[in-house]
All heavy atoms as atom14 arrays in JSON, in Angstrom:
{
  "sequence": "GRGVECAIAKNPDMELGAVFTRRDPASISIKTEGVKVYSYNEIKDF",
  "atom14_mask": [
    [1, 1, 1, 1, 0, 0, 0, 0, 0, 0, 0, 0, 0, 0],
    [1, 1, 1, 1, 1, 1, 1, 1, 1, 1, 1, 0, 0, 0],
    [1, 1, 1, 1, 0, 0, 0, 0, 0, 0, 0, 0, 0, 0],
    [1, 1, 1, 1, 1, 1, 1, 0, 0, 0, 0, 0, 0, 0],
    [1, 1, 1, 1, 1, 1, 1, 1, 1, 0, 0, 0, 0, 0],
    [1, 1, 1, 1, 1, 1, 0, 0, 0, 0, 0, 0, 0, 0],
    [1, 1, 1, 1, 1, 0, 0, 0, 0, 0, 0, 0, 0, 0],
    [1, 1, 1, 1, 1, 1, 1, 1, 0, 0, 0, 0, 0, 0],
    [1, 1, 1, 1, 1, 0, 0, 0, 0, 0, 0, 0, 0, 0],
    [1, 1, 1, 1, 1, 1, 1, 1, 1, 0, 0, 0, 0, 0],
    [1, 1, 1, 1, 1, 1, 1, 1, 0, 0, 0, 0, 0, 0],
    [1, 1, 1, 1, 1, 1, 1, 0, 0, 0, 0, 0, 0, 0],
    [1, 1, 1, 1, 1, 1, 1, 1, 0, 0, 0, 0, 0, 0],
    [1, 1, 1, 1, 1, 1, 1, 1, 0, 0, 0, 0, 0, 0],
    [1, 1, 1, 1, 1, 1, 1, 1, 1, 0, 0, 0, 0, 0],
    [1, 1, 1, 1, 1, 1, 1, 1, 0, 0, 0, 0, 0, 0],
    [1, 1, 1, 1, 0, 0, 0, 0, 0, 0, 0, 0, 0, 0],
    [1, 1, 1, 1, 1, 0, 0, 0, 0, 0, 0, 0, 0, 0],
    [1, 1, 1, 1, 1, 1, 1, 0, 0, 0, 0, 0, 0, 0],
    [1, 1, 1, 1, 1, 1, 1, 1, 1, 1, 1, 0, 0, 0],
    [1, 1, 1, 1, 1, 1, 1, 0, 0, 0, 0, 0, 0, 0],
    [1, 1, 1, 1, 1, 1, 1, 1, 1, 1, 1, 0, 0, 0],
    [1, 1, 1, 1, 1, 1, 1, 1, 1, 1, 1, 0, 0, 0],
    [1, 1, 1, 1, 1, 1, 1, 1, 0, 0, 0, 0, 0, 0],
    [1, 1, 1, 1, 1, 1, 1, 0, 0, 0, 0, 0, 0, 0],
    [1, 1, 1, 1, 1, 0, 0, 0, 0, 0, 0, 0, 0, 0],
    [1, 1, 1, 1, 1, 1, 0, 0, 0, 0, 0, 0, 0, 0],
    [1, 1, 1, 1, 1, 1, 1, 1, 0, 0, 0, 0, 0, 0],
    [1, 1, 1, 1, 1, 1, 0, 0, 0, 0, 0, 0, 0, 0],
    [1, 1, 1, 1, 1, 1, 1, 1, 0, 0, 0, 0, 0, 0],
    [1, 1, 1, 1, 1, 1, 1, 1, 1, 0, 0, 0, 0, 0],
    [1, 1, 1, 1, 1, 1, 1, 0, 0, 0, 0, 0, 0, 0],
    [1, 1, 1, 1, 1, 1, 1, 1, 1, 0, 0, 0, 0, 0],
    [1, 1, 1, 1, 0, 0, 0, 0, 0, 0, 0, 0, 0, 0],
    [1, 1, 1, 1, 1, 1, 1, 0, 0, 0, 0, 0, 0, 0],
    [1, 1, 1, 1, 1, 1, 1, 1, 1, 0, 0, 0, 0, 0],
    [1, 1, 1, 1, 1, 1, 1, 0, 0, 0, 0, 0, 0, 0],
    [1, 1, 1, 1, 1, 1, 1, 1, 1, 1, 1, 1, 0, 0],
    [1, 1, 1, 1, 1, 1, 0, 0, 0, 0, 0, 0, 0, 0],
    [1, 1, 1, 1, 1, 1, 1, 1, 1, 1, 1, 1, 0, 0],
    [1, 1, 1, 1, 1, 1, 1, 1, 0, 0, 0, 0, 0, 0],
    [1, 1, 1, 1, 1, 1, 1, 1, 1, 0, 0, 0, 0, 0],
    [1, 1, 1, 1, 1, 1, 1, 1, 0, 0, 0, 0, 0, 0],
    [1, 1, 1, 1, 1, 1, 1, 1, 1, 0, 0, 0, 0, 0],
    [1, 1, 1, 1, 1, 1, 1, 1, 0, 0, 0, 0, 0, 0],
    [1, 1, 1, 1, 1, 1, 1, 1, 1, 1, 1, 0, 0, 0]
  ],
  "atom14_positions": [
    [[-3.68, -23.32, -12.84], [-4.24, -21.97, -13.4], [-4.23, -22.07, -14.94], [-5.29, -21.6, -15.57], [0.0, 0.0, 0.0], [0.0, 0.0, 0.0], [0.0, 0.0, 0.0], [0.0, 0.0, 0.0], [0.0, 0.0, 0.0], [0.0, 0.0, 0.0], [0.0, 0.0, 0.0], [0.0, 0.0, 0.0], [0.0, 0.0, 0.0], [0.0, 0.0, 0.0]],
    [[-3.22, -22.6, -15.51], [-3.17, -22.67, -16.98], [-4.32, -23.67, -17.51], [-4.91, -23.39, -18.51], [-1.81, -23.18, -17.49], [-0.73, -22.06, -17.4], [0.52, -22.4, -18.08], [1.27, -23.49, -17.26], [2.16, -23.42, -16.24], [2.42, -22.1, -15.91], [2.64, -24.4, -15.65], [0.0, 0.0, 0.0], [0.0, 0.0, 0.0], [0.0, 0.0, 0.0]],
    [[-4.45, -24.7, -16.74], [-5.58, -25.65, -17.03], [-6.95, -25.05, -17.14], [-7.76, -25.3, -17.81], [0.0, 0.0, 0.0], [0.0, 0.0, 0.0], [0.0, 0.0, 0.0], [0.0, 0.0, 0.0], [0.0, 0.0, 0.0], [0.0, 0.0, 0.0], [0.0, 0.0, 0.0], [0.0, 0.0, 0.0], [0.0, 0.0, 0.0], [0.0, 0.0, 0.0]],
    [[-7.21, -24.28, -15.94], [-8.44, -23.55, -15.84], [-8.71, -22.67, -17.04], [-9.8, -22.63, -17.57], [-8.5, -22.84, -14.48], [-9.76, -21.99, -14.45], [-8.6, -23.77, -13.3], [0.0, 0.0, 0.0], [0.0, 0.0, 0.0], [0.0, 0.0, 0.0], [0.0, 0.0, 0.0], [0.0, 0.0, 0.0], [0.0, 0.0, 0.0], [0.0, 0.0, 0.0]],
    [[-7.63, -21.95, -17.46], [-7.89, -21.02, -18.59], [-8.24, -21.82, -19.79], [-9.11, -21.29, -20.56], [-6.51, -20.21, -18.88], [-6.62, -19.27, -19.98], [-5.29, -18.51, -20.31], [-4.3, -18.99, -19.83], [-5.37, -17.5, -20.92], [0.0, 0.0, 0.0], [0.0, 0.0, 0.0], [0.0, 0.0, 0.0], [0.0, 0.0, 0.0], [0.0, 0.0, 0.0]],
    [[-7.69, -22.94, -20.05], [-8.06, -23.81, -21.19], [-9.54, -24.3, -20.96], [-10.31, -24.33, -21.97], [-7.18, -25.02, -21.32], [-5.46, -24.54, -21.81], [0.0, 0.0, 0.0], [0.0, 0.0, 0.0], [0.0, 0.0, 0.0], [0.0, 0.0, 0.0], [0.0, 0.0, 0.0], [0.0, 0.0, 0.0], [0.0, 0.0, 0.0], [0.0, 0.0, 0.0]],
    [[-9.9, -24.72, -19.82], [-11.15, -25.09, -19.52], [-12.34, -24.13, -19.82], [-13.33, -24.42, -20.35], [-11.29, -25.76, -18.09], [0.0, 0.0, 0.0], [0.0, 0.0, 0.0], [0.0, 0.0, 0.0], [0.0, 0.0, 0.0], [0.0, 0.0, 0.0], [0.0, 0.0, 0.0], [0.0, 0.0, 0.0], [0.0, 0.0, 0.0], [0.0, 0.0, 0.0]],
    [[-11.99, -22.85, -19.36], [-13.0, -21.82, -19.58], [-13.21, -21.63, -21.04], [-14.37, -21.37, -21.51], [-12.48, -20.45, -18.89], [-12.43, -20.62, -17.4], [-13.18, -19.3, -19.34], [-11.74, -19.56, -16.65], [0.0, 0.0, 0.0], [0.0, 0.0, 0.0], [0.0, 0.0, 0.0], [0.0, 0.0, 0.0], [0.0, 0.0, 0.0], [0.0, 0.0, 0.0]],
    [[-12.19, -21.7, -21.8], [-12.32, -21.52, -23.28], [-13.16, -22.49, -23.89], [-13.73, -22.38, -25.09], [-10.81, -21.44, -23.99], [0.0, 0.0, 0.0], [0.0, 0.0, 0.0], [0.0, 0.0, 0.0], [0.0, 0.0, 0.0], [0.0, 0.0, 0.0], [0.0, 0.0, 0.0], [0.0, 0.0, 0.0], [0.0, 0.0, 0.0], [0.0, 0.0, 0.0]],
    [[-13.31, -23.7, -23.26], [-14.1, -24.81, -23.91], [-15.47, -24.78, -23.45], [-16.34, -25.66, -23.84], [-13.49, -26.14, -23.61], [-12.11, -26.46, -24.31], [-11.54, -27.75, -24.08], [-10.23, -27.87, -24.85], [-10.34, -27.89, -26.25], [0.0, 0.0, 0.0], [0.0, 0.0, 0.0], [0.0, 0.0, 0.0], [0.0, 0.0, 0.0], [0.0, 0.0, 0.0]],
    [[-15.83, -23.91, -22.48], [-17.29, -23.89, -21.98], [-17.98, -22.63, -22.54], [-17.57, -21.48, -22.26], [-17.19, -23.91, -20.44], [-16.98, -25.21, -19.9], [-17.85, -25.99, -19.75], [-15.7, -25.51, -19.57], [0.0, 0.0, 0.0], [0.0, 0.0, 0.0], [0.0, 0.0, 0.0], [0.0, 0.0, 0.0], [0.0, 0.0, 0.0], [0.0, 0.0, 0.0]],
    [[-19.13, -22.85, -23.26], [-19.65, -21.66, -23.96], [-20.35, -20.69, -23.01], [-20.57, -19.52, -23.5], [-20.75, -22.44, -24.9], [-21.08, -23.65, -24.14], [-19.72, -24.06, -23.54], [0.0, 0.0, 0.0], [0.0, 0.0, 0.0], [0.0, 0.0, 0.0], [0.0, 0.0, 0.0], [0.0, 0.0, 0.0], [0.0, 0.0, 0.0], [0.0, 0.0, 0.0]],
    [[-20.55, -21.02, -21.71], [-21.15, -20.03, -20.92], [-20.15, -19.33, -19.94], [-20.55, -18.75, -18.89], [-22.37, -20.71, -20.05], [-21.82, -21.93, -19.3], [-20.75, -22.4, -19.5], [-22.5, -22.2, -18.32], [0.0, 0.0, 0.0], [0.0, 0.0, 0.0], [0.0, 0.0, 0.0], [0.0, 0.0, 0.0], [0.0, 0.0, 0.0], [0.0, 0.0, 0.0]],
    [[-18.92, -19.43, -20.16], [-17.92, -18.93, -19.29], [-17.02, -18.01, -20.02], [-16.77, -18.08, -21.21], [-16.97, -20.19, -18.69], [-17.84, -21.04, -17.81], [-16.76, -22.33, -17.21], [-17.94, -23.36, -16.29], [0.0, 0.0, 0.0], [0.0, 0.0, 0.0], [0.0, 0.0, 0.0], [0.0, 0.0, 0.0], [0.0, 0.0, 0.0], [0.0, 0.0, 0.0]],
    [[-16.51, -16.95, -19.21], [-15.46, -16.1, -19.62], [-14.43, -15.81, -18.59], [-14.81, -15.82, -17.45], [-16.06, -14.79, -20.2], [-16.73, -13.97, -19.11], [-17.27, -12.72, -19.73], [-16.44, -11.96, -20.31], [-18.57, -12.51, -19.69], [0.0, 0.0, 0.0], [0.0, 0.0, 0.0], [0.0, 0.0, 0.0], [0.0, 0.0, 0.0], [0.0, 0.0, 0.0]],
    [[-13.25, -15.67, -18.97], [-12.14, -15.35, -17.99], [-12.19, -13.87, -17.74], [-12.1, -13.11, -18.67], [-10.78, -15.78, -18.47], [-9.65, -15.46, -17.65], [-9.73, -16.2, -16.31], [-8.25, -15.88, -18.38], [0.0, 0.0, 0.0], [0.0, 0.0, 0.0], [0.0, 0.0, 0.0], [0.0, 0.0, 0.0], [0.0, 0.0, 0.0], [0.0, 0.0, 0.0]],
    [[-12.33, -13.55, -16.45], [-12.39, -12.01, -16.18], [-11.04, -11.5, -15.72], [-10.74, -10.28, -15.94], [0.0, 0.0, 0.0], [0.0, 0.0, 0.0], [0.0, 0.0, 0.0], [0.0, 0.0, 0.0], [0.0, 0.0, 0.0], [0.0, 0.0, 0.0], [0.0, 0.0, 0.0], [0.0, 0.0, 0.0], [0.0, 0.0, 0.0], [0.0, 0.0, 0.0]],
    [[-10.25, -12.34, -15.0], [-8.94, -11.74, -14.51], [-8.15, -12.95, -13.97], [-8.67, -14.0, -13.66], [-9.27, -10.79, -13.28], [0.0, 0.0, 0.0], [0.0, 0.0, 0.0], [0.0, 0.0, 0.0], [0.0, 0.0, 0.0], [0.0, 0.0, 0.0], [0.0, 0.0, 0.0], [0.0, 0.0, 0.0], [0.0, 0.0, 0.0], [0.0, 0.0, 0.0]],
    [[-6.79, -12.8, -13.92], [-5.9, -13.68, -13.33], [-5.11, -12.93, -12.25], [-4.73, -11.77, -12.35], [-4.87, -14.35, -14.37], [-3.89, -15.12, -13.62], [-5.73, -15.05, -15.43], [0.0, 0.0, 0.0], [0.0, 0.0, 0.0], [0.0, 0.0, 0.0], [0.0, 0.0, 0.0], [0.0, 0.0, 0.0], [0.0, 0.0, 0.0], [0.0, 0.0, 0.0]],
    [[-5.03, -13.51, -11.07], [-4.32, -13.0, -9.92], [-3.18, -13.85, -9.55], [-3.23, -15.09, -9.52], [-5.32, -12.84, -8.72], [-6.52, -12.06, -9.03], [-7.78, -12.75, -9.4], [-6.52, -10.78, -8.88], [-8.9, -11.99, -9.76], [-7.76, -10.0, -9.23], [-8.82, -10.59, -9.62], [0.0, 0.0, 0.0], [0.0, 0.0, 0.0], [0.0, 0.0, 0.0]],
    [[-2.03, -13.2, -9.16], [-0.82, -13.9, -8.89], [-0.12, -13.3, -7.78], [-0.23, -11.97, -7.6], [0.04, -14.0, -10.24], [1.22, -14.71, -9.87], [0.52, -12.62, -10.69], [0.0, 0.0, 0.0], [0.0, 0.0, 0.0], [0.0, 0.0, 0.0], [0.0, 0.0, 0.0], [0.0, 0.0, 0.0], [0.0, 0.0, 0.0], [0.0, 0.0, 0.0]],
    [[0.78, -14.07, -7.06], [1.65, -13.42, -5.98], [3.03, -13.07, -6.69], [3.77, -12.51, -5.9], [1.73, -14.53, -4.81], [0.53, -14.63, -4.01], [0.59, -15.63, -2.85], [0.78, -16.87, -3.37], [0.6, -17.91, -2.48], [0.35, -17.83, -1.18], [0.75, -19.21, -3.07], [0.0, 0.0, 0.0], [0.0, 0.0, 0.0], [0.0, 0.0, 0.0]],
    [[3.12, -13.51, -7.82], [4.41, -13.27, -8.63], [4.19, -11.74, -9.23], [3.06, -11.19, -9.11], [4.72, -14.26, -9.66], [5.11, -15.51, -9.23], [5.36, -16.48, -10.3], [4.15, -17.14, -10.75], [4.08, -17.81, -11.94], [5.17, -18.13, -12.66], [3.02, -18.37, -12.3], [0.0, 0.0, 0.0], [0.0, 0.0, 0.0], [0.0, 0.0, 0.0]],
    [[5.27, -11.41, -9.79], [5.05, -10.06, -10.59], [4.15, -10.24, -11.72], [4.49, -11.04, -12.61], [6.55, -9.51, -11.11], [6.47, -8.37, -11.91], [5.41, -7.66, -12.08], [7.54, -7.95, -12.44], [0.0, 0.0, 0.0], [0.0, 0.0, 0.0], [0.0, 0.0, 0.0], [0.0, 0.0, 0.0], [0.0, 0.0, 0.0], [0.0, 0.0, 0.0]],
    [[3.02, -9.51, -11.74], [2.07, -9.65, -12.95], [2.68, -9.48, -14.27], [2.2, -10.13, -15.23], [1.02, -8.62, -12.58], [1.0, -8.42, -11.06], [2.57, -8.53, -10.75], [0.0, 0.0, 0.0], [0.0, 0.0, 0.0], [0.0, 0.0, 0.0], [0.0, 0.0, 0.0], [0.0, 0.0, 0.0], [0.0, 0.0, 0.0], [0.0, 0.0, 0.0]],
    [[3.68, -8.66, -14.32], [4.3, -8.34, -15.64], [5.09, -9.59, -16.23], [5.36, -9.79, -17.41], [5.29, -7.19, -15.57], [0.0, 0.0, 0.0], [0.0, 0.0, 0.0], [0.0, 0.0, 0.0], [0.0, 0.0, 0.0], [0.0, 0.0, 0.0], [0.0, 0.0, 0.0], [0.0, 0.0, 0.0], [0.0, 0.0, 0.0], [0.0, 0.0, 0.0]],
    [[5.37, -10.59, -15.24], [6.09, -11.78, -15.64], [5.15, -12.83, -16.11], [5.64, -13.9, -16.6], [6.98, -12.34, -14.42], [6.12, -12.71, -13.47], [0.0, 0.0, 0.0], [0.0, 0.0, 0.0], [0.0, 0.0, 0.0], [0.0, 0.0, 0.0], [0.0, 0.0, 0.0], [0.0, 0.0, 0.0], [0.0, 0.0, 0.0], [0.0, 0.0, 0.0]],
    [[3.9, -12.77, -16.09], [2.96, -13.75, -16.38], [2.32, -13.46, -17.78], [1.88, -12.4, -18.06], [1.81, -13.82, -15.4], [2.33, -14.07, -14.03], [0.81, -14.89, -15.8], [3.04, -15.3, -13.83], [0.0, 0.0, 0.0], [0.0, 0.0, 0.0], [0.0, 0.0, 0.0], [0.0, 0.0, 0.0], [0.0, 0.0, 0.0], [0.0, 0.0, 0.0]],
    [[2.48, -14.35, -18.7], [1.93, -14.21, -20.0], [0.83, -15.29, -20.1], [1.03, -16.53, -20.08], [2.95, -14.41, -21.06], [2.33, -14.42, -22.45], [0.0, 0.0, 0.0], [0.0, 0.0, 0.0], [0.0, 0.0, 0.0], [0.0, 0.0, 0.0], [0.0, 0.0, 0.0], [0.0, 0.0, 0.0], [0.0, 0.0, 0.0], [0.0, 0.0, 0.0]],
    [[-0.57, -14.81, -20.38], [-1.65, -15.71, -20.44], [-2.09, -15.88, -21.99], [-1.62, -15.04, -22.71], [-2.77, -15.37, -19.57], [-3.49, -14.05, -19.94], [-2.34, -15.23, -18.17], [-4.7, -13.71, -19.27], [0.0, 0.0, 0.0], [0.0, 0.0, 0.0], [0.0, 0.0, 0.0], [0.0, 0.0, 0.0], [0.0, 0.0, 0.0], [0.0, 0.0, 0.0]],
    [[-2.97, -16.8, -22.24], [-3.25, -17.11, -23.61], [-4.51, -16.22, -24.11], [-4.83, -16.08, -25.2], [-3.56, -18.55, -23.88], [-2.16, -19.46, -23.74], [-2.54, -20.82, -24.08], [-1.19, -21.62, -23.88], [-0.23, -21.31, -24.79], [0.0, 0.0, 0.0], [0.0, 0.0, 0.0], [0.0, 0.0, 0.0], [0.0, 0.0, 0.0], [0.0, 0.0, 0.0]],
    [[-5.43, -15.8, -23.03], [-6.65, -15.26, -23.4], [-6.45, -13.78, -23.74], [-5.98, -12.91, -22.78], [-7.66, -15.34, -22.24], [-7.71, -16.76, -21.8], [-9.01, -14.78, -22.65], [0.0, 0.0, 0.0], [0.0, 0.0, 0.0], [0.0, 0.0, 0.0], [0.0, 0.0, 0.0], [0.0, 0.0, 0.0], [0.0, 0.0, 0.0], [0.0, 0.0, 0.0]],
    [[-6.72, -13.29, -25.02], [-6.58, -11.94, -25.38], [-7.61, -11.09, -24.59], [-8.65, -11.42, -24.38], [-6.8, -11.79, -26.88], [-5.66, -12.55, -27.7], [-5.92, -12.16, -29.14], [-6.9, -11.42, -29.54], [-5.23, -12.86, -29.99], [0.0, 0.0, 0.0], [0.0, 0.0, 0.0], [0.0, 0.0, 0.0], [0.0, 0.0, 0.0], [0.0, 0.0, 0.0]],
    [[-7.06, -9.91, -24.17], [-7.87, -8.87, -23.6], [-8.1, -8.99, -22.13], [-8.87, -8.19, -21.52], [0.0, 0.0, 0.0], [0.0, 0.0, 0.0], [0.0, 0.0, 0.0], [0.0, 0.0, 0.0], [0.0, 0.0, 0.0], [0.0, 0.0, 0.0], [0.0, 0.0, 0.0], [0.0, 0.0, 0.0], [0.0, 0.0, 0.0], [0.0, 0.0, 0.0]],
    [[-7.45, -9.96, -21.5], [-7.67, -10.3, -20.09], [-6.35, -9.85, -19.35], [-5.18, -10.33, -19.81], [-8.07, -11.69, -19.71], [-8.02, -11.93, -18.17], [-9.3, -12.02, -20.44], [0.0, 0.0, 0.0], [0.0, 0.0, 0.0], [0.0, 0.0, 0.0], [0.0, 0.0, 0.0], [0.0, 0.0, 0.0], [0.0, 0.0, 0.0], [0.0, 0.0, 0.0]],
    [[-6.41, -9.21, -18.22], [-5.19, -8.71, -17.53], [-4.85, -9.63, -16.39], [-5.73, -10.31, -15.81], [-5.37, -7.33, -17.03], [-5.46, -6.19, -18.08], [-5.59, -4.85, -17.51], [-4.36, -4.47, -16.7], [-4.37, -3.05, -16.16], [0.0, 0.0, 0.0], [0.0, 0.0, 0.0], [0.0, 0.0, 0.0], [0.0, 0.0, 0.0], [0.0, 0.0, 0.0]],
    [[-3.57, -9.59, -16.05], [-3.14, -10.22, -14.81], [-2.77, -9.2, -13.7], [-2.18, -8.08, -13.94], [-1.75, -11.01, -15.19], [-1.26, -11.68, -13.96], [-1.96, -11.99, -16.36], [0.0, 0.0, 0.0], [0.0, 0.0, 0.0], [0.0, 0.0, 0.0], [0.0, 0.0, 0.0], [0.0, 0.0, 0.0], [0.0, 0.0, 0.0], [0.0, 0.0, 0.0]],
    [[-3.26, -9.5, -12.59], [-3.3, -8.58, -11.49], [-2.48, -9.12, -10.29], [-2.39, -10.39, -10.11], [-4.61, -8.18, -10.94], [-5.44, -7.59, -12.01], [-6.33, -8.23, -12.88], [-5.44, -6.14, -12.11], [-7.05, -7.58, -13.81], [-6.37, -5.57, -13.12], [-7.19, -6.25, -13.96], [-7.92, -5.71, -14.8], [0.0, 0.0, 0.0], [0.0, 0.0, 0.0]],
    [[-2.0, -8.33, -9.44], [-1.39, -8.72, -8.15], [-2.51, -9.29, -7.19], [-3.57, -8.92, -7.2], [-0.68, -7.61, -7.52], [-0.44, -7.91, -6.15], [0.0, 0.0, 0.0], [0.0, 0.0, 0.0], [0.0, 0.0, 0.0], [0.0, 0.0, 0.0], [0.0, 0.0, 0.0], [0.0, 0.0, 0.0], [0.0, 0.0, 0.0], [0.0, 0.0, 0.0]],
    [[-2.12, -10.38, -6.54], [-3.05, -10.89, -5.55], [-3.66, -9.88, -4.57], [-4.77, -9.89, -4.12], [-2.35, -12.05, -4.82], [-3.3, -12.74, -3.79], [-4.23, -13.66, -4.2], [-3.22, -12.41, -2.4], [-5.0, -14.27, -3.23], [-4.11, -12.95, -1.5], [-5.03, -13.92, -1.88], [-5.84, -14.44, -0.99], [0.0, 0.0, 0.0], [0.0, 0.0, 0.0]],
    [[-2.69, -8.93, -4.35], [-3.1, -7.8, -3.35], [-4.23, -7.02, -3.91], [-4.93, -6.18, -3.1], [-1.99, -6.91, -3.05], [-0.79, -7.71, -2.4], [-1.05, -8.63, -1.55], [0.43, -7.34, -2.59], [0.0, 0.0, 0.0], [0.0, 0.0, 0.0], [0.0, 0.0, 0.0], [0.0, 0.0, 0.0], [0.0, 0.0, 0.0], [0.0, 0.0, 0.0]],
    [[-4.67, -7.06, -5.2], [-5.66, -6.29, -5.8], [-7.02, -7.07, -5.86], [-7.97, -6.55, -6.34], [-5.33, -5.81, -7.2], [-4.08, -4.98, -7.31], [-3.7, -4.67, -8.75], [-4.33, -3.69, -9.34], [-2.78, -5.38, -9.24], [0.0, 0.0, 0.0], [0.0, 0.0, 0.0], [0.0, 0.0, 0.0], [0.0, 0.0, 0.0], [0.0, 0.0, 0.0]],
    [[-7.07, -8.28, -5.4], [-8.24, -9.13, -5.63], [-9.42, -8.59, -4.98], [-10.62, -8.77, -5.56], [-7.92, -10.64, -5.16], [-8.8, -11.56, -5.86], [-8.02, -10.69, -3.61], [-8.35, -12.99, -5.65], [0.0, 0.0, 0.0], [0.0, 0.0, 0.0], [0.0, 0.0, 0.0], [0.0, 0.0, 0.0], [0.0, 0.0, 0.0], [0.0, 0.0, 0.0]],
    [[-9.42, -8.01, -3.79], [-10.57, -7.5, -3.14], [-11.26, -6.32, -3.96], [-12.49, -6.13, -3.79], [-10.21, -6.99, -1.77], [-9.76, -8.1, -0.63], [-10.79, -9.13, -0.58], [-10.38, -10.25, 0.38], [-10.1, -9.75, 1.84], [0.0, 0.0, 0.0], [0.0, 0.0, 0.0], [0.0, 0.0, 0.0], [0.0, 0.0, 0.0], [0.0, 0.0, 0.0]],
    [[-10.5, -5.68, -4.82], [-11.17, -4.72, -5.73], [-12.04, -5.26, -6.71], [-12.83, -4.47, -7.25], [-10.08, -3.96, -6.43], [-9.05, -3.1, -5.5], [-9.44, -2.9, -4.33], [-7.89, -2.91, -5.99], [0.0, 0.0, 0.0], [0.0, 0.0, 0.0], [0.0, 0.0, 0.0], [0.0, 0.0, 0.0], [0.0, 0.0, 0.0], [0.0, 0.0, 0.0]],
    [[-12.18, -6.54, -6.85], [-12.87, -7.19, -7.84], [-14.23, -7.76, -7.08], [-14.96, -8.48, -7.91], [-12.21, -8.32, -8.58], [-11.2, -7.77, -9.6], [-10.07, -7.3, -9.24], [-11.55, -7.78, -10.96], [-9.07, -6.65, -10.11], [-10.68, -7.17, -11.91], [-9.41, -6.66, -11.45], [0.0, 0.0, 0.0], [0.0, 0.0, 0.0], [0.0, 0.0, 0.0]]
  ]
}
């Protein structure tokens, strides 16, 4: 997941929309500013 985040940042036609985790989303800190981490249970909302 961390590698994908880096790969997205290097591709000019891509943007990170959301990160989903089965852990507590509050425990996850990502590098992309302005993007939220959500519970896996919320994924169908997207």
